[in-house]
Amino acid sequence: MRRASLAFHRTALALAGAALFSGCAVGPTKEDPLEPWNRQMYAVHQVVDGNVIKPLAEALSALEKELAAGASSVDGCGGRVHRSSAGKNDLRRTGI
């Protein structure tokens, strides 16, 4: 009996919540006062994205690949850095 009562209360609560939140739903309006401005801004952003942002992102990606390839070949040991020799070189430069 208690289990059936609990199930009934849960169902009633769910239906009450659905009824409450369905009152907040508003159907689509036919007139959006900002639609012309939104369309203009969308067109501007498409032009800026295609002519500025995308080429810049591609250039930075290519630069990143070049830097990554250069960094692995700088020390001549396949990208491995020997910390002991790096420390000795730093000491030589400072004159310690």
PDB file of N, CA and C in Angstrom:
ATOM      1  N   MET A   1       0.812  -1.186   0.000  1.00  0.00           N
ATOM      2  CA  MET A   1       0.000   0.000   0.000  1.00  0.00           C
ATOM      3  C   MET A   1       0.858   1.253   0.000  1.00  0.00           C
ATOM      4  N   ARG A   2       1.899   1.253   0.832  1.00  0.00           N
ATOM      5  CA  ARG A   2       2.777   2.420   0.938  1.00  0.00           C
ATOM      6  C   ARG A   2       3.511   2.664  -0.380  1.00  0.00           C
ATOM      7  N   ARG A   3       3.903   1.581  -1.049  1.00  0.00           N
ATOM      8  CA  ARG A   3       4.625   1.697  -2.304  1.00  0.00           C
ATOM      9  C   ARG A   3       3.717   2.295  -3.383  1.00  0.00           C
ATOM     10  N   ALA A   4       2.467   1.900  -3.434  1.00  0.00           N
ATOM     11  CA  ALA A   4       1.519   2.434  -4.409  1.00  0.00           C
ATOM     12  C   ALA A   4       1.262   3.916  -4.140  1.00  0.00           C
ATOM     13  N   SER A   5       1.197   4.289  -2.872  1.00  0.00           N
ATOM     14  CA  SER A   5       0.989   5.690  -2.511  1.00  0.00           C
ATOM     15  C   SER A   5       2.187   6.537  -2.949  1.00  0.00           C
ATOM     16  N   LEU A   6       3.397   6.023  -2.765  1.00  0.00           N
ATOM     17  CA  LEU A   6       4.605   6.736  -3.167  1.00  0.00           C
ATOM     18  C   LEU A   6       4.646   6.913  -4.684  1.00  0.00           C
ATOM     19  N   ALA A   7       4.281   5.880  -5.420  1.00  0.00           N
ATOM     20  CA  ALA A   7       4.253   5.965  -6.876  1.00  0.00           C
ATOM     21  C   ALA A   7       3.212   6.977  -7.335  1.00  0.00           C
ATOM     22  N   PHE A   8       2.059   7.002  -6.667  1.00  0.00           N
ATOM     23  CA  PHE A   8       1.021   7.970  -7.011  1.00  0.00           C
ATOM     24  C   PHE A   8       1.500   9.398  -6.772  1.00  0.00           C
ATOM     25  N   HIS A   9       2.172   9.631  -5.652  1.00  0.00           N
ATOM     26  CA  HIS A   9       2.667  10.970  -5.330  1.00  0.00           C
ATOM     27  C   HIS A   9       3.743  11.423  -6.336  1.00  0.00           C
ATOM     28  N   ARG A  10       4.611  10.506  -6.706  1.00  0.00           N
ATOM     29  CA  ARG A  10       5.646  10.855  -7.693  1.00  0.00           C
ATOM     30  C   ARG A  10       5.016  11.218  -9.036  1.00  0.00           C
ATOM     31  N   THR A  11       4.033  10.424  -9.445  1.00  0.00           N
ATOM     32  CA  THR A  11       3.353  10.701 -10.712  1.00  0.00           C
ATOM     33  C   THR A  11       2.612  12.023 -10.654  1.00  0.00           C
ATOM     34  N   ALA A  12       1.932  12.280  -9.551  1.00  0.00           N
ATOM     35  CA  ALA A  12       1.204  13.548  -9.398  1.00  0.00           C
ATOM     36  C   ALA A  12       2.168  14.724  -9.404  1.00  0.00           C
ATOM     37  N   LEU A  13       3.308  14.576  -8.730  1.00  0.00           N
ATOM     38  CA  LEU A  13       4.309  15.648  -8.696  1.00  0.00           C
ATOM     39  C   LEU A  13       4.889  15.898 -10.085  1.00  0.00           C
ATOM     40  N   ALA A  14       5.151  14.833 -10.835  1.00  0.00           N
ATOM     41  CA  ALA A  14       5.687  14.986 -12.187  1.00  0.00           C
ATOM     42  C   ALA A  14       4.678  15.680 -13.095  1.00  0.00           C
ATOM     43  N   LEU A  15       3.411  15.303 -12.996  1.00  0.00           N
ATOM     44  CA  LEU A  15       2.379  15.944 -13.819  1.00  0.00           C
ATOM     45  C   LEU A  15       2.190  17.411 -13.432  1.00  0.00           C
ATOM     46  N   ALA A  16       2.241  17.707 -12.137  1.00  0.00           N
ATOM     47  CA  ALA A  16       2.111  19.094 -11.692  1.00  0.00           C
ATOM     48  C   ALA A  16       3.286  19.934 -12.191  1.00  0.00           C
ATOM     49  N   GLY A  17       4.486  19.365 -12.138  1.00  0.00           N
ATOM     50  CA  GLY A  17       5.664  20.079 -12.645  1.00  0.00           C
ATOM     51  C   GLY A  17       5.580  20.318 -14.139  1.00  0.00           C
ATOM     52  N   ALA A  18       5.127  19.313 -14.875  1.00  0.00           N
ATOM     53  CA  ALA A  18       4.982  19.467 -16.327  1.00  0.00           C
ATOM     54  C   ALA A  18       3.955  20.538 -16.650  1.00  0.00           C
ATOM     55  N   ALA A  19       2.848  20.542 -15.897  1.00  0.00           N
ATOM     56  CA  ALA A  19       1.817  21.555 -16.133  1.00  0.00           C
ATOM     57  C   ALA A  19       2.339  22.947 -15.801  1.00  0.00           C
ATOM     58  N   LEU A  20       3.118  23.056 -14.737  1.00  0.00           N
ATOM     59  CA  LEU A  20       3.670  24.339 -14.333  1.00  0.00           C
ATOM     60  C   LEU A  20       4.644  24.883 -15.372  1.00  0.00           C
ATOM     61  N   PHE A  21       5.560  24.022 -15.829  1.00  0.00           N
ATOM     62  CA  PHE A  21       6.563  24.482 -16.785  1.00  0.00           C
ATOM     63  C   PHE A  21       6.010  24.654 -18.189  1.00  0.00           C
ATOM     64  N   SER A  22       4.941  23.979 -18.528  1.00  0.00           N
ATOM     65  CA  SER A  22       4.369  24.168 -19.860  1.00  0.00           C
ATOM     66  C   SER A  22       3.723  25.542 -19.977  1.00  0.00           C
ATOM     67  N   GLY A  23       3.365  26.146 -18.872  1.00  0.00           N
ATOM     68  CA  GLY A  23       2.824  27.503 -18.893  1.00  0.00           C
ATOM     69  C   GLY A  23       3.867  28.524 -19.289  1.00  0.00           C
ATOM     70  N   CYS A  24       5.142  28.194 -19.128  1.00  0.00           N
ATOM     71  CA  CYS A  24       6.223  29.115 -19.479  1.00  0.00           C
ATOM     72  C   CYS A  24       6.542  29.073 -20.971  1.00  0.00           C
ATOM     73  N   ALA A  25       6.122  28.017 -21.641  1.00  0.00           N
ATOM     74  CA  ALA A  25       6.431  27.886 -23.060  1.00  0.00           C
ATOM     75  C   ALA A  25       5.602  28.874 -23.862  1.00  0.00           C
ATOM     76  N   VAL A  26       6.278  29.590 -24.722  1.00  0.00           N
ATOM     77  CA  VAL A  26       5.608  30.574 -25.570  1.00  0.00           C
ATOM     78  C   VAL A  26       5.836  30.152 -27.009  1.00  0.00           C
ATOM     79  N   GLY A  27       4.818  30.190 -27.775  1.00  0.00           N
ATOM     80  CA  GLY A  27       4.932  29.833 -29.185  1.00  0.00           C
ATOM     81  C   GLY A  27       5.771  30.854 -29.941  1.00  0.00           C
ATOM     82  N   PRO A  28       6.213  30.493 -31.135  1.00  0.00           N
ATOM     83  CA  PRO A  28       7.043  31.412 -31.902  1.00  0.00           C
ATOM     84  C   PRO A  28       6.254  32.650 -32.339  1.00  0.00           C
ATOM     85  N   THR A  29       6.927  33.774 -32.277  1.00  0.00           N
ATOM     86  CA  THR A  29       6.290  35.002 -32.744  1.00  0.00           C
ATOM     87  C   THR A  29       6.656  35.204 -34.202  1.00  0.00           C
ATOM     88  N   LYS A  30       5.824  35.862 -34.918  1.00  0.00           N
ATOM     89  CA  LYS A  30       6.064  36.059 -36.344  1.00  0.00           C
ATOM     90  C   LYS A  30       7.008  37.215 -36.600  1.00  0.00           C
ATOM     91  N   GLU A  31       7.137  38.112 -35.644  1.00  0.00           N
ATOM     92  CA  GLU A  31       7.951  39.282 -35.877  1.00  0.00           C
ATOM     93  C   GLU A  31       9.060  39.358 -34.836  1.00  0.00           C
ATOM     94  N   ASP A  32      10.287  39.391 -35.309  1.00  0.00           N
ATOM     95  CA  ASP A  32      11.446  39.557 -34.436  1.00  0.00           C
ATOM     96  C   ASP A  32      12.036  40.926 -34.752  1.00  0.00           C
ATOM     97  N   PRO A  33      12.003  41.859 -33.816  1.00  0.00           N
ATOM     98  CA  PRO A  33      12.479  43.212 -34.118  1.00  0.00           C
ATOM     99  C   PRO A  33      13.976  43.274 -34.405  1.00  0.00           C
ATOM    100  N   LEU A  34      14.741  42.293 -33.951  1.00  0.00           N
ATOM    101  CA  LEU A  34      16.187  42.319 -34.167  1.00  0.00           C
ATOM    102  C   LEU A  34      16.632  41.454 -35.339  1.00  0.00           C
ATOM    103  N   GLU A  35      15.728  40.835 -36.048  1.00  0.00           N
ATOM    104  CA  GLU A  35      16.106  39.929 -37.127  1.00  0.00           C
ATOM    105  C   GLU A  35      16.932  40.613 -38.223  1.00  0.00           C
ATOM    106  N   PRO A  36      16.571  41.793 -38.706  1.00  0.00           N
ATOM    107  CA  PRO A  36      17.408  42.429 -39.733  1.00  0.00           C
ATOM    108  C   PRO A  36      18.838  42.692 -39.246  1.00  0.00           C
ATOM    109  N   TRP A  37      18.956  43.141 -38.023  1.00  0.00           N
ATOM    110  CA  TRP A  37      20.292  43.406 -37.472  1.00  0.00           C
ATOM    111  C   TRP A  37      21.068  42.099 -37.315  1.00  0.00           C
ATOM    112  N   ASN A  38      20.394  41.047 -36.844  1.00  0.00           N
ATOM    113  CA  ASN A  38      21.056  39.750 -36.699  1.00  0.00           C
ATOM    114  C   ASN A  38      21.549  39.222 -38.044  1.00  0.00           C
ATOM    115  N   ARG A  39      20.763  39.380 -39.069  1.00  0.00           N
ATOM    116  CA  ARG A  39      21.180  38.914 -40.398  1.00  0.00           C
ATOM    117  C   ARG A  39      22.388  39.694 -40.910  1.00  0.00           C
ATOM    118  N   GLN A  40      22.406  40.997 -40.679  1.00  0.00           N
ATOM    119  CA  GLN A  40      23.549  41.810 -41.097  1.00  0.00           C
ATOM    120  C   GLN A  40      24.812  41.411 -40.343  1.00  0.00           C
ATOM    121  N   MET A  41      24.693  41.220 -39.043  1.00  0.00           N
ATOM    122  CA  MET A  41      25.855  40.827 -38.245  1.00  0.00           C
ATOM    123  C   MET A  41      26.351  39.438 -38.644  1.00  0.00           C
ATOM    124  N   TYR A  42      25.433  38.538 -38.973  1.00  0.00           N
ATOM    125  CA  TYR A  42      25.833  37.213 -39.427  1.00  0.00           C
ATOM    126  C   TYR A  42      26.641  37.323 -40.720  1.00  0.00           C
ATOM    127  N   ALA A  43      26.177  38.157 -41.639  1.00  0.00           N
ATOM    128  CA  ALA A  43      26.898  38.340 -42.906  1.00  0.00           C
ATOM    129  C   ALA A  43      28.285  38.941 -42.668  1.00  0.00           C
ATOM    130  N   VAL A  44      28.367  39.917 -41.772  1.00  0.00           N
ATOM    131  CA  VAL A  44      29.668  40.528 -41.452  1.00  0.00           C
ATOM    132  C   VAL A  44      30.595  39.485 -40.848  1.00  0.00           C
ATOM    133  N   HIS A  45      30.094  38.699 -39.929  1.00  0.00           N
ATOM    134  CA  HIS A  45      30.934  37.703 -39.277  1.00  0.00           C
ATOM    135  C   HIS A  45      31.390  36.619 -40.250  1.00  0.00           C
ATOM    136  N   GLN A  46      30.571  36.277 -41.214  1.00  0.00           N
ATOM    137  CA  GLN A  46      30.985  35.295 -42.216  1.00  0.00           C
ATOM    138  C   GLN A  46      32.148  35.832 -43.044  1.00  0.00           C
ATOM    139  N   VAL A  47      32.091  37.106 -43.415  1.00  0.00           N
ATOM    140  CA  VAL A  47      33.172  37.715 -44.195  1.00  0.00           C
ATOM    141  C   VAL A  47      34.445  37.798 -43.365  1.00  0.00           C
ATOM    142  N   VAL A  48      34.325  38.258 -42.123  1.00  0.00           N
ATOM    143  CA  VAL A  48      35.503  38.381 -41.256  1.00  0.00           C
ATOM    144  C   VAL A  48      36.106  37.008 -40.988  1.00  0.00           C
ATOM    145  N   ASP A  49      35.272  36.035 -40.752  1.00  0.00           N
ATOM    146  CA  ASP A  49      35.774  34.693 -40.480  1.00  0.00           C
ATOM    147  C   ASP A  49      36.518  34.123 -41.684  1.00  0.00           C
ATOM    148  N   GLY A  50      35.956  34.291 -42.868  1.00  0.00           N
ATOM    149  CA  GLY A  50      36.587  33.732 -44.063  1.00  0.00           C
ATOM    150  C   GLY A  50      37.843  34.467 -44.501  1.00  0.00           C
ATOM    151  N   ASN A  51      37.903  35.782 -44.258  1.00  0.00           N
ATOM    152  CA  ASN A  51      39.025  36.576 -44.763  1.00  0.00           C
ATOM    153  C   ASN A  51      40.082  36.907 -43.729  1.00  0.00           C
ATOM    154  N   VAL A  52      39.770  36.797 -42.441  1.00  0.00           N
ATOM    155  CA  VAL A  52      40.742  37.168 -41.414  1.00  0.00           C
ATOM    156  C   VAL A  52      41.026  36.001 -40.470  1.00  0.00           C
ATOM    157  N   ILE A  53      40.006  35.506 -39.832  1.00  0.00           N
ATOM    158  CA  ILE A  53      40.194  34.527 -38.762  1.00  0.00           C
ATOM    159  C   ILE A  53      40.721  33.200 -39.296  1.00  0.00           C
ATOM    160  N   LYS A  54      40.118  32.672 -40.348  1.00  0.00           N
ATOM    161  CA  LYS A  54      40.541  31.368 -40.872  1.00  0.00           C
ATOM    162  C   LYS A  54      41.976  31.405 -41.410  1.00  0.00           C
ATOM    163  N   PRO A  55      42.367  32.389 -42.242  1.00  0.00           N
ATOM    164  CA  PRO A  55      43.764  32.425 -42.681  1.00  0.00           C
ATOM    165  C   PRO A  55      44.751  32.597 -41.526  1.00  0.00           C
ATOM    166  N   LEU A  56      44.371  33.389 -40.532  1.00  0.00           N
ATOM    167  CA  LEU A  56      45.242  33.573 -39.375  1.00  0.00           C
ATOM    168  C   LEU A  56      45.402  32.263 -38.607  1.00  0.00           C
ATOM    169  N   ALA A  57      44.321  31.532 -38.420  1.00  0.00           N
ATOM    170  CA  ALA A  57      44.392  30.253 -37.725  1.00  0.00           C
ATOM    171  C   ALA A  57      45.226  29.249 -38.506  1.00  0.00           C
ATOM    172  N   GLU A  58      45.085  29.233 -39.819  1.00  0.00           N
ATOM    173  CA  GLU A  58      45.887  28.312 -40.638  1.00  0.00           C
ATOM    174  C   GLU A  58      47.363  28.676 -40.587  1.00  0.00           C
ATOM    175  N   ALA A  59      47.669  29.971 -40.599  1.00  0.00           N
ATOM    176  CA  ALA A  59      49.068  30.405 -40.525  1.00  0.00           C
ATOM    177  C   ALA A  59      49.673  30.045 -39.178  1.00  0.00           C
ATOM    178  N   LEU A  60      48.928  30.242 -38.108  1.00  0.00           N
ATOM    179  CA  LEU A  60      49.443  29.890 -36.789  1.00  0.00           C
ATOM    180  C   LEU A  60      49.631  28.385 -36.648  1.00  0.00           C
ATOM    181  N   SER A  61      48.753  27.612 -37.249  1.00  0.00           N
ATOM    182  CA  SER A  61      48.895  26.160 -37.208  1.00  0.00           C
ATOM    183  C   SER A  61      50.153  25.720 -37.954  1.00  0.00           C
ATOM    184  N   ALA A  62      50.392  26.326 -39.113  1.00  0.00           N
ATOM    185  CA  ALA A  62      51.600  25.997 -39.876  1.00  0.00           C
ATOM    186  C   ALA A  62      52.852  26.421 -39.117  1.00  0.00           C
ATOM    187  N   LEU A  63      52.808  27.583 -38.480  1.00  0.00           N
ATOM    188  CA  LEU A  63      53.951  28.058 -37.693  1.00  0.00           C
ATOM    189  C   LEU A  63      54.211  27.126 -36.518  1.00  0.00           C
ATOM    190  N   GLU A  64      53.151  26.659 -35.890  1.00  0.00           N
ATOM    191  CA  GLU A  64      53.311  25.737 -34.771  1.00  0.00           C
ATOM    192  C   GLU A  64      53.985  24.445 -35.217  1.00  0.00           C
ATOM    193  N   LYS A  65      53.595  23.944 -36.385  1.00  0.00           N
ATOM    194  CA  LYS A  65      54.218  22.719 -36.904  1.00  0.00           C
ATOM    195  C   LYS A  65      55.692  22.953 -37.213  1.00  0.00           C
ATOM    196  N   GLU A  66      56.014  24.117 -37.789  1.00  0.00           N
ATOM    197  CA  GLU A  66      57.411  24.443 -38.094  1.00  0.00           C
ATOM    198  C   GLU A  66      58.237  24.542 -36.808  1.00  0.00           C
ATOM    199  N   LEU A  67      57.695  25.197 -35.804  1.00  0.00           N
ATOM    200  CA  LEU A  67      58.419  25.339 -34.540  1.00  0.00           C
ATOM    201  C   LEU A  67      58.602  23.993 -33.857  1.00  0.00           C
ATOM    202  N   ALA A  68      57.598  23.139 -33.923  1.00  0.00           N
ATOM    203  CA  ALA A  68      57.717  21.822 -33.312  1.00  0.00           C
ATOM    204  C   ALA A  68      58.776  20.991 -34.023  1.00  0.00           C
ATOM    205  N   ALA A  69      58.828  21.075 -35.351  1.00  0.00           N
ATOM    206  CA  ALA A  69      59.842  20.331 -36.107  1.00  0.00           C
ATOM    207  C   ALA A  69      61.232  20.888 -35.830  1.00  0.00           C
ATOM    208  N   GLY A  70      61.331  22.208 -35.724  1.00  0.00           N
ATOM    209  CA  GLY A  70      62.626  22.820 -35.451  1.00  0.00           C
ATOM    210  C   GLY A  70      63.110  22.533 -34.047  1.00  0.00           C
ATOM    211  N   ALA A  71      62.230  22.500 -33.086  1.00  0.00           N
ATOM    212  CA  ALA A  71      62.628  22.265 -31.702  1.00  0.00           C
ATOM    213  C   ALA A  71      63.144  20.854 -31.513  1.00  0.00           C
ATOM    214  N   SER A  72      62.615  19.899 -32.252  1.00  0.00           N
ATOM    215  CA  SER A  72      63.091  18.527 -32.081  1.00  0.00           C
ATOM    216  C   SER A  72      64.434  18.310 -32.744  1.00  0.00           C
ATOM    217  N   SER A  73      64.818  19.179 -33.683  1.00  0.00           N
ATOM    218  CA  SER A  73      66.102  18.974 -34.355  1.00  0.00           C
ATOM    219  C   SER A  73      67.171  19.959 -33.904  1.00  0.00           C
ATOM    220  N   VAL A  74      66.873  20.815 -32.963  1.00  0.00           N
ATOM    221  CA  VAL A  74      67.850  21.821 -32.521  1.00  0.00           C
ATOM    222  C   VAL A  74      69.039  21.179 -31.853  1.00  0.00           C
ATOM    223  N   ASP A  75      68.787  20.268 -30.931  1.00  0.00           N
ATOM    224  CA  ASP A  75      69.895  19.712 -30.164  1.00  0.00           C
ATOM    225  C   ASP A  75      70.576  18.558 -30.894  1.00  0.00           C
ATOM    226  N   GLY A  76      70.050  18.115 -32.019  1.00  0.00           N
ATOM    227  CA  GLY A  76      70.706  17.088 -32.806  1.00  0.00           C
ATOM    228  C   GLY A  76      70.626  15.700 -32.203  1.00  0.00           C
ATOM    229  N   CYS A  77      69.841  15.508 -31.194  1.00  0.00           N
ATOM    230  CA  CYS A  77      69.754  14.179 -30.584  1.00  0.00           C
ATOM    231  C   CYS A  77      68.331  13.665 -30.638  1.00  0.00           C
ATOM    232  N   GLY A  78      67.589  14.040 -31.653  1.00  0.00           N
ATOM    233  CA  GLY A  78      66.256  13.508 -31.838  1.00  0.00           C
ATOM    234  C   GLY A  78      65.241  13.994 -30.829  1.00  0.00           C
ATOM    235  N   GLY A  79      65.404  15.185 -30.317  1.00  0.00           N
ATOM    236  CA  GLY A  79      64.423  15.731 -29.400  1.00  0.00           C
ATOM    237  C   GLY A  79      64.702  15.438 -27.940  1.00  0.00           C
ATOM    238  N   ARG A  80      65.766  14.697 -27.651  1.00  0.00           N
ATOM    239  CA  ARG A  80      66.096  14.411 -26.255  1.00  0.00           C
ATOM    240  C   ARG A  80      67.070  15.467 -25.758  1.00  0.00           C
ATOM    241  N   VAL A  81      66.811  15.999 -24.622  1.00  0.00           N
ATOM    242  CA  VAL A  81      67.697  16.998 -24.027  1.00  0.00           C
ATOM    243  C   VAL A  81      68.393  16.360 -22.845  1.00  0.00           C
ATOM    244  N   HIS A  82      69.706  16.441 -22.866  1.00  0.00           N
ATOM    245  CA  HIS A  82      70.494  15.916 -21.755  1.00  0.00           C
ATOM    246  C   HIS A  82      70.643  17.020 -20.731  1.00  0.00           C
ATOM    247  N   ARG A  83      70.037  16.835 -19.600  1.00  0.00           N
ATOM    248  CA  ARG A  83      70.006  17.897 -18.596  1.00  0.00           C
ATOM    249  C   ARG A  83      71.393  18.197 -18.052  1.00  0.00           C
ATOM    250  N   SER A  84      72.224  17.223 -17.938  1.00  0.00           N
ATOM    251  CA  SER A  84      73.545  17.477 -17.377  1.00  0.00           C
ATOM    252  C   SER A  84      74.363  18.364 -18.305  1.00  0.00           C
ATOM    253  N   SER A  85      74.317  18.118 -19.617  1.00  0.00           N
ATOM    254  CA  SER A  85      75.096  18.958 -20.531  1.00  0.00           C
ATOM    255  C   SER A  85      74.486  20.344 -20.630  1.00  0.00           C
ATOM    256  N   ALA A  86      73.153  20.451 -20.528  1.00  0.00           N
ATOM    257  CA  ALA A  86      72.524  21.767 -20.571  1.00  0.00           C
ATOM    258  C   ALA A  86      72.949  22.574 -19.352  1.00  0.00           C
ATOM    259  N   GLY A  87      73.024  21.926 -18.196  1.00  0.00           N
ATOM    260  CA  GLY A  87      73.457  22.622 -16.985  1.00  0.00           C
ATOM    261  C   GLY A  87      74.898  23.078 -17.081  1.00  0.00           C
ATOM    262  N   LYS A  88      75.784  22.254 -17.661  1.00  0.00           N
ATOM    263  CA  LYS A  88      77.185  22.636 -17.827  1.00  0.00           C
ATOM    264  C   LYS A  88      77.310  23.826 -18.760  1.00  0.00           C
ATOM    265  N   ASN A  89      76.507  23.847 -19.838  1.00  0.00           N
ATOM    266  CA  ASN A  89      76.557  24.976 -20.757  1.00  0.00           C
ATOM    267  C   ASN A  89      76.097  26.261 -20.075  1.00  0.00           C
ATOM    268  N   ASP A  90      75.105  26.180 -19.239  1.00  0.00           N
ATOM    269  CA  ASP A  90      74.634  27.360 -18.525  1.00  0.00           C
ATOM    270  C   ASP A  90      75.719  27.877 -17.579  1.00  0.00           C
ATOM    271  N   LEU A  91      76.440  26.982 -16.949  1.00  0.00           N
ATOM    272  CA  LEU A  91      77.514  27.410 -16.043  1.00  0.00           C
ATOM    273  C   LEU A  91      78.652  28.055 -16.810  1.00  0.00           C
ATOM    274  N   ARG A  92      78.954  27.557 -17.998  1.00  0.00           N
ATOM    275  CA  ARG A  92      80.017  28.146 -18.816  1.00  0.00           C
ATOM    276  C   ARG A  92      79.658  29.566 -19.248  1.00  0.00           C
ATOM    277  N   ARG A  93      78.381  29.775 -19.590  1.00  0.00           N
ATOM    278  CA  ARG A  93      77.954  31.102 -20.048  1.00  0.00           C
ATOM    279  C   ARG A  93      78.013  32.127 -18.935  1.00  0.00           C
ATOM    280  N   THR A  94      77.723  31.730 -17.728  1.00  0.00           N
ATOM    281  CA  THR A  94      77.698  32.681 -16.621  1.00  0.00           C
ATOM    282  C   THR A  94      79.083  32.895 -16.028  1.00  0.00           C
ATOM    283  N   GLY A  95      80.013  32.033 -16.342  1.00  0.00           N
ATOM    284  CA  GLY A  95      81.372  32.197 -15.850  1.00  0.00           C
ATOM    285  C   GLY A  95      81.556  31.697 -14.427  1.00  0.00           C
ATOM    286  N   ILE A  96      80.697  30.829 -13.962  1.00  0.00           N
ATOM    287  CA  ILE A  96      80.814  30.307 -12.591  1.00  0.00           C
ATOM    288  C   ILE A  96      81.771  29.154 -12.576  1.00  0.00           C
TER     289      ILE A  96
END
